[in-house]
Amino acid sequence: PDLTGHEKFGLGNVKYNISRMHVTAVELPSASISLLPGSGIKLVIGNASLTIDMNWNIRTWMFKDSGRGTVHISKVFVTAIFSTPLDNTGPTSIAFTSCRTTSGDVDIKLNGKT
């Protein structure tokens, strides 16, 4: 979905819109899944990266600008736990129990026109 909002900076408001976000690259160089005896599944992803292309525009009382942008997020680490209740009364279910995510670097490049 698009991101639209406004922030107050100094003497006025800045209105922004980020649209047409598109994931252009995902790298998962280290990923593993392991069973947790009697309780569930553990997913670990290490040193992942993600690149997103987008359109952006901003507007203030003094100027407006718009263009294309790229966001590259790297050094992403994720640990997620899913529980699998051992219940013979129906279909197998999986519940999301916990998640821990960290990211190391975020690089944002905006190309615009005035």
PDB file of N, CA and C in Angstrom:
ATOM      1  N   PRO A   1       0.825  -1.207   0.000  1.00  0.00           N
ATOM      2  CA  PRO A   1       0.000   0.000   0.000  1.00  0.00           C
ATOM      3  C   PRO A   1       0.864   1.264   0.000  1.00  0.00           C
ATOM      4  N   ASP A   2       0.289   2.355  -0.463  1.00  0.00           N
ATOM      5  CA  ASP A   2       0.984   3.640  -0.462  1.00  0.00           C
ATOM      6  C   ASP A   2       1.130   4.156   0.966  1.00  0.00           C
ATOM      7  N   LEU A   3       2.166   4.960   1.187  1.00  0.00           N
ATOM      8  CA  LEU A   3       2.374   5.616   2.478  1.00  0.00           C
ATOM      9  C   LEU A   3       2.163   7.113   2.272  1.00  0.00           C
ATOM     10  N   THR A   4       1.213   7.685   2.991  1.00  0.00           N
ATOM     11  CA  THR A   4       0.901   9.096   2.873  1.00  0.00           C
ATOM     12  C   THR A   4       0.822   9.692   4.264  1.00  0.00           C
ATOM     13  N   GLY A   5       1.332  10.908   4.414  1.00  0.00           N
ATOM     14  CA  GLY A   5       1.251  11.543   5.720  1.00  0.00           C
ATOM     15  C   GLY A   5       1.845  12.927   5.706  1.00  0.00           C
ATOM     16  N   HIS A   6       2.053  13.475   6.895  1.00  0.00           N
ATOM     17  CA  HIS A   6       2.669  14.794   7.022  1.00  0.00           C
ATOM     18  C   HIS A   6       3.453  14.852   8.325  1.00  0.00           C
ATOM     19  N   GLU A   7       4.494  15.655   8.308  1.00  0.00           N
ATOM     20  CA  GLU A   7       5.350  15.871   9.477  1.00  0.00           C
ATOM     21  C   GLU A   7       5.569  17.366   9.636  1.00  0.00           C
ATOM     22  N   LYS A   8       5.694  17.819  10.866  1.00  0.00           N
ATOM     23  CA  LYS A   8       5.951  19.228  11.131  1.00  0.00           C
ATOM     24  C   LYS A   8       7.453  19.425  11.301  1.00  0.00           C
ATOM     25  N   PHE A   9       8.017  20.286  10.462  1.00  0.00           N
ATOM     26  CA  PHE A   9       9.438  20.624  10.525  1.00  0.00           C
ATOM     27  C   PHE A   9       9.584  22.132  10.541  1.00  0.00           C
ATOM     28  N   GLY A  10      10.310  22.659  11.509  1.00  0.00           N
ATOM     29  CA  GLY A  10      10.595  24.093  11.540  1.00  0.00           C
ATOM     30  C   GLY A  10       9.354  24.953  11.453  1.00  0.00           C
ATOM     31  N   LEU A  11       9.230  25.678  10.348  1.00  0.00           N
ATOM     32  CA  LEU A  11       8.145  26.651  10.190  1.00  0.00           C
ATOM     33  C   LEU A  11       6.899  26.115   9.506  1.00  0.00           C
ATOM     34  N   GLY A  12       6.884  24.840   9.131  1.00  0.00           N
ATOM     35  CA  GLY A  12       5.701  24.358   8.423  1.00  0.00           C
ATOM     36  C   GLY A  12       5.606  22.853   8.364  1.00  0.00           C
ATOM     37  N   ASN A  13       4.583  22.406   7.658  1.00  0.00           N
ATOM     38  CA  ASN A  13       4.342  20.981   7.485  1.00  0.00           C
ATOM     39  C   ASN A  13       4.933  20.489   6.171  1.00  0.00           C
ATOM     40  N   VAL A  14       5.377  19.248   6.173  1.00  0.00           N
ATOM     41  CA  VAL A  14       5.826  18.581   4.963  1.00  0.00           C
ATOM     42  C   VAL A  14       4.850  17.441   4.709  1.00  0.00           C
ATOM     43  N   LYS A  15       4.169  17.484   3.566  1.00  0.00           N
ATOM     44  CA  LYS A  15       3.272  16.393   3.174  1.00  0.00           C
ATOM     45  C   LYS A  15       4.045  15.477   2.240  1.00  0.00           C
ATOM     46  N   TYR A  16       3.881  14.165   2.442  1.00  0.00           N
ATOM     47  CA  TYR A  16       4.622  13.217   1.618  1.00  0.00           C
ATOM     48  C   TYR A  16       3.724  12.080   1.151  1.00  0.00           C
ATOM     49  N   ASN A  17       4.141  11.460   0.057  1.00  0.00           N
ATOM     50  CA  ASN A  17       3.465  10.278  -0.462  1.00  0.00           C
ATOM     51  C   ASN A  17       4.523   9.368  -1.076  1.00  0.00           C
ATOM     52  N   ILE A  18       4.505   8.113  -0.693  1.00  0.00           N
ATOM     53  CA  ILE A  18       5.380   7.092  -1.268  1.00  0.00           C
ATOM     54  C   ILE A  18       4.453   6.064  -1.907  1.00  0.00           C
ATOM     55  N   SER A  19       4.621   5.846  -3.213  1.00  0.00           N
ATOM     56  CA  SER A  19       3.692   4.977  -3.930  1.00  0.00           C
ATOM     57  C   SER A  19       4.440   4.034  -4.868  1.00  0.00           C
ATOM     58  N   ARG A  20       3.692   3.096  -5.413  1.00  0.00           N
ATOM     59  CA  ARG A  20       4.200   2.126  -6.384  1.00  0.00           C
ATOM     60  C   ARG A  20       5.459   1.414  -5.894  1.00  0.00           C
ATOM     61  N   MET A  21       5.432   1.015  -4.606  1.00  0.00           N
ATOM     62  CA  MET A  21       6.571   0.273  -4.050  1.00  0.00           C
ATOM     63  C   MET A  21       6.621  -1.116  -4.679  1.00  0.00           C
ATOM     64  N   HIS A  22       7.820  -1.502  -5.072  1.00  0.00           N
ATOM     65  CA  HIS A  22       8.009  -2.774  -5.750  1.00  0.00           C
ATOM     66  C   HIS A  22       9.313  -3.407  -5.250  1.00  0.00           C
ATOM     67  N   VAL A  23       9.225  -4.612  -4.707  1.00  0.00           N
ATOM     68  CA  VAL A  23      10.424  -5.332  -4.259  1.00  0.00           C
ATOM     69  C   VAL A  23      11.144  -5.842  -5.502  1.00  0.00           C
ATOM     70  N   THR A  24      12.395  -5.397  -5.686  1.00  0.00           N
ATOM     71  CA  THR A  24      13.143  -5.773  -6.882  1.00  0.00           C
ATOM     72  C   THR A  24      14.221  -6.823  -6.609  1.00  0.00           C
ATOM     73  N   ALA A  25      14.587  -7.017  -5.338  1.00  0.00           N
ATOM     74  CA  ALA A  25      15.597  -8.033  -5.024  1.00  0.00           C
ATOM     75  C   ALA A  25      15.466  -8.477  -3.576  1.00  0.00           C
ATOM     76  N   VAL A  26      15.620  -9.776  -3.356  1.00  0.00           N
ATOM     77  CA  VAL A  26      15.671 -10.361  -2.017  1.00  0.00           C
ATOM     78  C   VAL A  26      16.806 -11.368  -2.017  1.00  0.00           C
ATOM     79  N   GLU A  27      17.692 -11.269  -1.048  1.00  0.00           N
ATOM     80  CA  GLU A  27      18.783 -12.229  -0.919  1.00  0.00           C
ATOM     81  C   GLU A  27      18.732 -12.850   0.468  1.00  0.00           C
ATOM     82  N   LEU A  28      18.742 -14.182   0.498  1.00  0.00           N
ATOM     83  CA  LEU A  28      18.733 -14.939   1.756  1.00  0.00           C
ATOM     84  C   LEU A  28      19.943 -15.877   1.751  1.00  0.00           C
ATOM     85  N   PRO A  29      21.148 -15.337   1.984  1.00  0.00           N
ATOM     86  CA  PRO A  29      22.343 -16.171   1.888  1.00  0.00           C
ATOM     87  C   PRO A  29      22.454 -17.236   2.981  1.00  0.00           C
ATOM     88  N   SER A  30      21.768 -17.011   4.093  1.00  0.00           N
ATOM     89  CA  SER A  30      21.837 -17.973   5.189  1.00  0.00           C
ATOM     90  C   SER A  30      20.442 -18.127   5.800  1.00  0.00           C
ATOM     91  N   ALA A  31      19.831 -19.288   5.584  1.00  0.00           N
ATOM     92  CA  ALA A  31      18.499 -19.544   6.144  1.00  0.00           C
ATOM     93  C   ALA A  31      18.433 -20.992   6.601  1.00  0.00           C
ATOM     94  N   SER A  32      17.801 -21.205   7.740  1.00  0.00           N
ATOM     95  CA  SER A  32      17.652 -22.574   8.237  1.00  0.00           C
ATOM     96  C   SER A  32      16.319 -22.725   8.955  1.00  0.00           C
ATOM     97  N   ILE A  33      15.813 -23.945   8.923  1.00  0.00           N
ATOM     98  CA  ILE A  33      14.594 -24.313   9.637  1.00  0.00           C
ATOM     99  C   ILE A  33      14.928 -25.515  10.500  1.00  0.00           C
ATOM    100  N   SER A  34      14.532 -25.446  11.757  1.00  0.00           N
ATOM    101  CA  SER A  34      14.770 -26.584  12.645  1.00  0.00           C
ATOM    102  C   SER A  34      13.514 -26.872  13.461  1.00  0.00           C
ATOM    103  N   LEU A  35      13.379 -28.127  13.860  1.00  0.00           N
ATOM    104  CA  LEU A  35      12.252 -28.544  14.693  1.00  0.00           C
ATOM    105  C   LEU A  35      12.589 -28.329  16.156  1.00  0.00           C
ATOM    106  N   LEU A  36      11.635 -27.814  16.906  1.00  0.00           N
ATOM    107  CA  LEU A  36      11.757 -27.685  18.349  1.00  0.00           C
ATOM    108  C   LEU A  36      10.920 -28.803  18.936  1.00  0.00           C
ATOM    109  N   PRO A  37      11.543 -29.840  19.473  1.00  0.00           N
ATOM    110  CA  PRO A  37      10.816 -31.027  19.928  1.00  0.00           C
ATOM    111  C   PRO A  37       9.630 -30.697  20.841  1.00  0.00           C
ATOM    112  N   GLY A  38       8.484 -31.176  20.436  1.00  0.00           N
ATOM    113  CA  GLY A  38       7.269 -31.024  21.225  1.00  0.00           C
ATOM    114  C   GLY A  38       6.624 -29.659  21.177  1.00  0.00           C
ATOM    115  N   SER A  39       7.220 -28.705  20.443  1.00  0.00           N
ATOM    116  CA  SER A  39       6.610 -27.377  20.491  1.00  0.00           C
ATOM    117  C   SER A  39       6.463 -26.680  19.157  1.00  0.00           C
ATOM    118  N   GLY A  40       7.379 -26.860  18.211  1.00  0.00           N
ATOM    119  CA  GLY A  40       7.186 -26.126  16.968  1.00  0.00           C
ATOM    120  C   GLY A  40       8.373 -26.113  16.036  1.00  0.00           C
ATOM    121  N   ILE A  41       8.488 -24.988  15.328  1.00  0.00           N
ATOM    122  CA  ILE A  41       9.477 -24.818  14.277  1.00  0.00           C
ATOM    123  C   ILE A  41      10.193 -23.491  14.503  1.00  0.00           C
ATOM    124  N   LYS A  42      11.513 -23.498  14.293  1.00  0.00           N
ATOM    125  CA  LYS A  42      12.313 -22.284  14.407  1.00  0.00           C
ATOM    126  C   LYS A  42      12.898 -21.954  13.036  1.00  0.00           C
ATOM    127  N   LEU A  43      12.682 -20.716  12.586  1.00  0.00           N
ATOM    128  CA  LEU A  43      13.213 -20.222  11.316  1.00  0.00           C
ATOM    129  C   LEU A  43      14.261 -19.163  11.630  1.00  0.00           C
ATOM    130  N   VAL A  44      15.457 -19.332  11.078  1.00  0.00           N
ATOM    131  CA  VAL A  44      16.532 -18.362  11.276  1.00  0.00           C
ATOM    132  C   VAL A  44      17.032 -17.914   9.906  1.00  0.00           C
ATOM    133  N   ILE A  45      17.041 -16.603   9.685  1.00  0.00           N
ATOM    134  CA  ILE A  45      17.552 -16.017   8.445  1.00  0.00           C
ATOM    135  C   ILE A  45      18.665 -15.060   8.845  1.00  0.00           C
ATOM    136  N   GLY A  46      19.832 -15.224   8.223  1.00  0.00           N
ATOM    137  CA  GLY A  46      20.971 -14.379   8.569  1.00  0.00           C
ATOM    138  C   GLY A  46      21.520 -13.630   7.378  1.00  0.00           C
ATOM    139  N   ASN A  47      21.910 -12.395   7.628  1.00  0.00           N
ATOM    140  CA  ASN A  47      22.579 -11.542   6.642  1.00  0.00           C
ATOM    141  C   ASN A  47      21.778 -11.390   5.347  1.00  0.00           C
ATOM    142  N   ALA A  48      20.484 -11.237   5.476  1.00  0.00           N
ATOM    143  CA  ALA A  48      19.609 -11.072   4.313  1.00  0.00           C
ATOM    144  C   ALA A  48      19.632  -9.616   3.844  1.00  0.00           C
ATOM    145  N   SER A  49      19.137  -9.404   2.622  1.00  0.00           N
ATOM    146  CA  SER A  49      19.006  -8.037   2.110  1.00  0.00           C
ATOM    147  C   SER A  49      17.757  -7.923   1.248  1.00  0.00           C
ATOM    148  N   LEU A  50      17.294  -6.686   1.091  1.00  0.00           N
ATOM    149  CA  LEU A  50      16.048  -6.403   0.379  1.00  0.00           C
ATOM    150  C   LEU A  50      16.203  -5.065  -0.338  1.00  0.00           C
ATOM    151  N   THR A  51      15.768  -4.999  -1.596  1.00  0.00           N
ATOM    152  CA  THR A  51      15.790  -3.746  -2.353  1.00  0.00           C
ATOM    153  C   THR A  51      14.372  -3.431  -2.818  1.00  0.00           C
ATOM    154  N   ILE A  52      13.954  -2.175  -2.605  1.00  0.00           N
ATOM    155  CA  ILE A  52      12.615  -1.718  -2.959  1.00  0.00           C
ATOM    156  C   ILE A  52      12.733  -0.461  -3.821  1.00  0.00           C
ATOM    157  N   ASP A  53      12.065  -0.452  -4.981  1.00  0.00           N
ATOM    158  CA  ASP A  53      11.948   0.749  -5.814  1.00  0.00           C
ATOM    159  C   ASP A  53      10.596   1.389  -5.535  1.00  0.00           C
ATOM    160  N   MET A  54      10.517   2.726  -5.689  1.00  0.00           N
ATOM    161  CA  MET A  54       9.282   3.435  -5.356  1.00  0.00           C
ATOM    162  C   MET A  54       9.226   4.781  -6.059  1.00  0.00           C
ATOM    163  N   ASN A  55       8.038   5.360  -6.099  1.00  0.00           N
ATOM    164  CA  ASN A  55       7.824   6.757  -6.464  1.00  0.00           C
ATOM    165  C   ASN A  55       7.649   7.541  -5.173  1.00  0.00           C
ATOM    166  N   TRP A  56       8.060   8.794  -5.154  1.00  0.00           N
ATOM    167  CA  TRP A  56       7.876   9.626  -3.969  1.00  0.00           C
ATOM    168  C   TRP A  56       7.539  11.055  -4.388  1.00  0.00           C
ATOM    169  N   ASN A  57       6.845  11.753  -3.507  1.00  0.00           N
ATOM    170  CA  ASN A  57       6.661  13.191  -3.693  1.00  0.00           C
ATOM    171  C   ASN A  57       6.468  13.853  -2.341  1.00  0.00           C
ATOM    172  N   ILE A  58       6.953  15.090  -2.259  1.00  0.00           N
ATOM    173  CA  ILE A  58       6.782  15.894  -1.045  1.00  0.00           C
ATOM    174  C   ILE A  58       6.270  17.263  -1.451  1.00  0.00           C
ATOM    175  N   ARG A  59       5.602  17.917  -0.496  1.00  0.00           N
ATOM    176  CA  ARG A  59       5.066  19.248  -0.743  1.00  0.00           C
ATOM    177  C   ARG A  59       5.142  20.033   0.566  1.00  0.00           C
ATOM    178  N   THR A  60       5.662  21.249   0.479  1.00  0.00           N
ATOM    179  CA  THR A  60       5.685  22.173   1.614  1.00  0.00           C
ATOM    180  C   THR A  60       5.045  23.476   1.154  1.00  0.00           C
ATOM    181  N   TRP A  61       4.964  24.432   2.026  1.00  0.00           N
ATOM    182  CA  TRP A  61       4.407  25.734   1.658  1.00  0.00           C
ATOM    183  C   TRP A  61       5.318  26.458   0.673  1.00  0.00           C
ATOM    184  N   MET A  62       6.601  26.025   0.617  1.00  0.00           N
ATOM    185  CA  MET A  62       7.572  26.733  -0.196  1.00  0.00           C
ATOM    186  C   MET A  62       7.911  26.028  -1.516  1.00  0.00           C
ATOM    187  N   PHE A  63       7.864  24.697  -1.546  1.00  0.00           N
ATOM    188  CA  PHE A  63       8.218  23.974  -2.766  1.00  0.00           C
ATOM    189  C   PHE A  63       7.576  22.604  -2.786  1.00  0.00           C
ATOM    190  N   LYS A  64       7.664  21.975  -3.963  1.00  0.00           N
ATOM    191  CA  LYS A  64       7.238  20.589  -4.086  1.00  0.00           C
ATOM    192  C   LYS A  64       8.254  19.877  -4.972  1.00  0.00           C
ATOM    193  N   ASP A  65       8.383  18.564  -4.757  1.00  0.00           N
ATOM    194  CA  ASP A  65       9.332  17.778  -5.529  1.00  0.00           C
ATOM    195  C   ASP A  65       8.817  16.345  -5.597  1.00  0.00           C
ATOM    196  N   SER A  66       9.266  15.618  -6.614  1.00  0.00           N
ATOM    197  CA  SER A  66       8.859  14.218  -6.748  1.00  0.00           C
ATOM    198  C   SER A  66       9.904  13.493  -7.569  1.00  0.00           C
ATOM    199  N   GLY A  67       9.818  12.179  -7.567  1.00  0.00           N
ATOM    200  CA  GLY A  67      10.765  11.385  -8.346  1.00  0.00           C
ATOM    201  C   GLY A  67      10.671   9.915  -8.025  1.00  0.00           C
ATOM    202  N   ARG A  68      11.758   9.208  -8.335  1.00  0.00           N
ATOM    203  CA  ARG A  68      11.872   7.779  -8.064  1.00  0.00           C
ATOM    204  C   ARG A  68      12.894   7.590  -6.950  1.00  0.00           C
ATOM    205  N   GLY A  69      12.789   6.485  -6.252  1.00  0.00           N
ATOM    206  CA  GLY A  69      13.747   6.200  -5.193  1.00  0.00           C
ATOM    207  C   GLY A  69      13.988   4.712  -5.051  1.00  0.00           C
ATOM    208  N   THR A  70      15.102   4.400  -4.405  1.00  0.00           N
ATOM    209  CA  THR A  70      15.467   3.015  -4.108  1.00  0.00           C
ATOM    210  C   THR A  70      15.892   2.930  -2.653  1.00  0.00           C
ATOM    211  N   VAL A  71      15.384   1.928  -1.957  1.00  0.00           N
ATOM    212  CA  VAL A  71      15.783   1.648  -0.579  1.00  0.00           C
ATOM    213  C   VAL A  71      16.424   0.269  -0.564  1.00  0.00           C
ATOM    214  N   HIS A  72      17.650   0.195  -0.023  1.00  0.00           N
ATOM    215  CA  HIS A  72      18.334  -1.089   0.103  1.00  0.00           C
ATOM    216  C   HIS A  72      18.590  -1.330   1.586  1.00  0.00           C
ATOM    217  N   ILE A  73      18.030  -2.411   2.111  1.00  0.00           N
ATOM    218  CA  ILE A  73      18.190  -2.785   3.516  1.00  0.00           C
ATOM    219  C   ILE A  73      19.064  -4.024   3.548  1.00  0.00           C
ATOM    220  N   SER A  74      20.155  -3.971   4.325  1.00  0.00           N
ATOM    221  CA  SER A  74      21.067  -5.120   4.379  1.00  0.00           C
ATOM    222  C   SER A  74      21.410  -5.473   5.820  1.00  0.00           C
ATOM    223  N   LYS A  75      22.099  -6.586   5.955  1.00  0.00           N
ATOM    224  CA  LYS A  75      22.468  -7.129   7.270  1.00  0.00           C
ATOM    225  C   LYS A  75      21.218  -7.366   8.118  1.00  0.00           C
ATOM    226  N   VAL A  76      20.206  -7.975   7.502  1.00  0.00           N
ATOM    227  CA  VAL A  76      18.943  -8.272   8.183  1.00  0.00           C
ATOM    228  C   VAL A  76      19.035  -9.671   8.799  1.00  0.00           C
ATOM    229  N   PHE A  77      18.682  -9.767  10.076  1.00  0.00           N
ATOM    230  CA  PHE A  77      18.678 -11.040  10.789  1.00  0.00           C
ATOM    231  C   PHE A  77      17.282 -11.257  11.381  1.00  0.00           C
ATOM    232  N   VAL A  78      16.722 -12.438  11.159  1.00  0.00           N
ATOM    233  CA  VAL A  78      15.369 -12.757  11.620  1.00  0.00           C
ATOM    234  C   VAL A  78      15.400 -14.105  12.333  1.00  0.00           C
ATOM    235  N   THR A  79      14.769 -14.164  13.489  1.00  0.00           N
ATOM    236  CA  THR A  79      14.517 -15.432  14.172  1.00  0.00           C
ATOM    237  C   THR A  79      13.028 -15.478  14.481  1.00  0.00           C
ATOM    238  N   ALA A  80      12.346 -16.491  13.968  1.00  0.00           N
ATOM    239  CA  ALA A  80      10.899 -16.625  14.175  1.00  0.00           C
ATOM    240  C   ALA A  80      10.594 -18.017  14.717  1.00  0.00           C
ATOM    241  N   ILE A  81       9.655 -18.066  15.640  1.00  0.00           N
ATOM    242  CA  ILE A  81       9.211 -19.329  16.232  1.00  0.00           C
ATOM    243  C   ILE A  81       7.738 -19.523  15.892  1.00  0.00           C
ATOM    244  N   PHE A  82       7.418 -20.697  15.375  1.00  0.00           N
ATOM    245  CA  PHE A  82       6.041 -21.082  15.073  1.00  0.00           C
ATOM    246  C   PHE A  82       5.692 -22.275  15.942  1.00  0.00           C
ATOM    247  N   SER A  83       4.545 -22.228  16.589  1.00  0.00           N
ATOM    248  CA  SER A  83       4.132 -23.368  17.402  1.00  0.00           C
ATOM    249  C   SER A  83       3.196 -24.251  16.580  1.00  0.00           C
ATOM    250  N   THR A  84       3.294 -25.521  16.829  1.00  0.00           N
ATOM    251  CA  THR A  84       2.438 -26.504  16.147  1.00  0.00           C
ATOM    252  C   THR A  84       1.789 -27.365  17.214  1.00  0.00           C
ATOM    253  N   PRO A  85       0.629 -26.929  17.691  1.00  0.00           N
ATOM    254  CA  PRO A  85      -0.042 -27.697  18.742  1.00  0.00           C
ATOM    255  C   PRO A  85      -0.301 -29.138  18.301  1.00  0.00           C
ATOM    256  N   LEU A  86       0.026 -30.065  19.174  1.00  0.00           N
ATOM    257  CA  LEU A  86      -0.219 -31.482  18.884  1.00  0.00           C
ATOM    258  C   LEU A  86      -1.626 -31.814  19.335  1.00  0.00           C
ATOM    259  N   ASP A  87      -2.548 -31.665  18.418  1.00  0.00           N
ATOM    260  CA  ASP A  87      -3.957 -31.833  18.714  1.00  0.00           C
ATOM    261  C   ASP A  87      -4.549 -32.730  17.622  1.00  0.00           C
ATOM    262  N   ASN A  88      -5.064 -33.858  17.989  1.00  0.00           N
ATOM    263  CA  ASN A  88      -5.605 -34.803  17.013  1.00  0.00           C
ATOM    264  C   ASN A  88      -7.076 -34.560  16.702  1.00  0.00           C
ATOM    265  N   THR A  89      -7.625 -33.408  17.097  1.00  0.00           N
ATOM    266  CA  THR A  89      -9.054 -33.164  16.906  1.00  0.00           C
ATOM    267  C   THR A  89      -9.388 -32.525  15.568  1.00  0.00           C
ATOM    268  N   GLY A  90      -8.408 -32.123  14.801  1.00  0.00           N
ATOM    269  CA  GLY A  90      -8.703 -31.465  13.524  1.00  0.00           C
ATOM    270  C   GLY A  90      -7.450 -31.302  12.705  1.00  0.00           C
ATOM    271  N   PRO A  91      -7.525 -30.449  11.712  1.00  0.00           N
ATOM    272  CA  PRO A  91      -6.356 -30.251  10.850  1.00  0.00           C
ATOM    273  C   PRO A  91      -5.198 -29.623  11.622  1.00  0.00           C
ATOM    274  N   THR A  92      -3.991 -29.879  11.155  1.00  0.00           N
ATOM    275  CA  THR A  92      -2.803 -29.310  11.783  1.00  0.00           C
ATOM    276  C   THR A  92      -2.823 -27.794  11.636  1.00  0.00           C
ATOM    277  N   SER A  93      -2.491 -27.122  12.717  1.00  0.00           N
ATOM    278  CA  SER A  93      -2.446 -25.662  12.672  1.00  0.00           C
ATOM    279  C   SER A  93      -1.056 -25.186  13.050  1.00  0.00           C
ATOM    280  N   ILE A  94      -0.702 -24.004  12.562  1.00  0.00           N
ATOM    281  CA  ILE A  94       0.575 -23.382  12.894  1.00  0.00           C
ATOM    282  C   ILE A  94       0.271 -21.983  13.394  1.00  0.00           C
ATOM    283  N   ALA A  95       0.834 -21.629  14.551  1.00  0.00           N
ATOM    284  CA  ALA A  95       0.629 -20.300  15.129  1.00  0.00           C
ATOM    285  C   ALA A  95       1.973 -19.586  15.229  1.00  0.00           C
ATOM    286  N   PHE A  96       1.975 -18.316  14.893  1.00  0.00           N
ATOM    287  CA  PHE A  96       3.170 -17.488  14.999  1.00  0.00           C
ATOM    288  C   PHE A  96       3.365 -17.134  16.462  1.00  0.00           C
ATOM    289  N   THR A  97       4.480 -17.555  17.073  1.00  0.00           N
ATOM    290  CA  THR A  97       4.700 -17.373  18.501  1.00  0.00           C
ATOM    291  C   THR A  97       5.576 -16.168  18.821  1.00  0.00           C
ATOM    292  N   SER A  98       6.697 -16.029  18.125  1.00  0.00           N
ATOM    293  CA  SER A  98       7.581 -14.893  18.395  1.00  0.00           C
ATOM    294  C   SER A  98       8.450 -14.583  17.184  1.00  0.00           C
ATOM    295  N   CYS A  99       8.961 -13.357  17.168  1.00  0.00           N
ATOM    296  CA  CYS A  99       9.831 -12.938  16.072  1.00  0.00           C
ATOM    297  C   CYS A  99      10.787 -11.867  16.580  1.00  0.00           C
ATOM    298  N   ARG A 100      12.028 -11.979  16.180  1.00  0.00           N
ATOM    299  CA  ARG A 100      13.037 -10.951  16.494  1.00  0.00           C
ATOM    300  C   ARG A 100      13.745 -10.613  15.197  1.00  0.00           C
ATOM    301  N   THR A 101      13.774  -9.325  14.863  1.00  0.00           N
ATOM    302  CA  THR A 101      14.385  -8.868  13.619  1.00  0.00           C
ATOM    303  C   THR A 101      15.305  -7.698  13.900  1.00  0.00           C
ATOM    304  N   THR A 102      16.478  -7.714  13.284  1.00  0.00           N
ATOM    305  CA  THR A 102      17.390  -6.571  13.339  1.00  0.00           C
ATOM    306  C   THR A 102      17.899  -6.298  11.929  1.00  0.00           C
ATOM    307  N   SER A 103      18.201  -5.033  11.669  1.00  0.00           N
ATOM    308  CA  SER A 103      18.802  -4.681  10.381  1.00  0.00           C
ATOM    309  C   SER A 103      20.003  -3.787  10.649  1.00  0.00           C
ATOM    310  N   GLY A 104      21.022  -3.945   9.833  1.00  0.00           N
ATOM    311  CA  GLY A 104      22.254  -3.213  10.055  1.00  0.00           C
ATOM    312  C   GLY A 104      22.347  -1.924   9.269  1.00  0.00           C
ATOM    313  N   ASP A 105      22.091  -1.976   7.972  1.00  0.00           N
ATOM    314  CA  ASP A 105      22.276  -0.807   7.115  1.00  0.00           C
ATOM    315  C   ASP A 105      21.027  -0.530   6.283  1.00  0.00           C
ATOM    316  N   VAL A 106      20.713   0.754   6.127  1.00  0.00           N
ATOM    317  CA  VAL A 106      19.641   1.189   5.238  1.00  0.00           C
ATOM    318  C   VAL A 106      20.217   2.279   4.346  1.00  0.00           C
ATOM    319  N   ASP A 107      20.170   2.067   3.037  1.00  0.00           N
ATOM    320  CA  ASP A 107      20.674   3.029   2.063  1.00  0.00           C
ATOM    321  C   ASP A 107      19.492   3.523   1.238  1.00  0.00           C
ATOM    322  N   ILE A 108      19.245   4.843   1.252  1.00  0.00           N
ATOM    323  CA  ILE A 108      18.129   5.428   0.526  1.00  0.00           C
ATOM    324  C   ILE A 108      18.673   6.371  -0.536  1.00  0.00           C
ATOM    325  N   LYS A 109      18.259   6.150  -1.783  1.00  0.00           N
ATOM    326  CA  LYS A 109      18.643   7.022  -2.887  1.00  0.00           C
ATOM    327  C   LYS A 109      17.377   7.602  -3.508  1.00  0.00           C
ATOM    328  N   LEU A 110      17.308   8.930  -3.554  1.00  0.00           N
ATOM    329  CA  LEU A 110      16.164   9.610  -4.148  1.00  0.00           C
ATOM    330  C   LEU A 110      16.631  10.378  -5.374  1.00  0.00           C
ATOM    331  N   ASN A 111      15.973  10.141  -6.483  1.00  0.00           N
ATOM    332  CA  ASN A 111      16.215  10.896  -7.707  1.00  0.00           C
ATOM    333  C   ASN A 111      14.968  11.720  -7.949  1.00  0.00           C
ATOM    334  N   GLY A 112      15.144  13.017  -8.119  1.00  0.00           N
ATOM    335  CA  GLY A 112      13.955  13.848  -8.247  1.00  0.00           C
ATOM    336  C   GLY A 112      14.089  14.914  -9.304  1.00  0.00           C
ATOM    337  N   LYS A 113      13.008  15.638  -9.425  1.00  0.00           N
ATOM    338  CA  LYS A 113      12.972  16.787 -10.323  1.00  0.00           C
ATOM    339  C   LYS A 113      12.264  17.910  -9.589  1.00  0.00           C
ATOM    340  N   THR A 114      12.564  19.128  -9.898  1.00  0.00           N
ATOM    341  CA  THR A 114      11.947  20.275  -9.226  1.00  0.00           C
ATOM    342  C   THR A 114      10.978  20.963 -10.143  1.00  0.00           C
TER     343      THR A 114
END
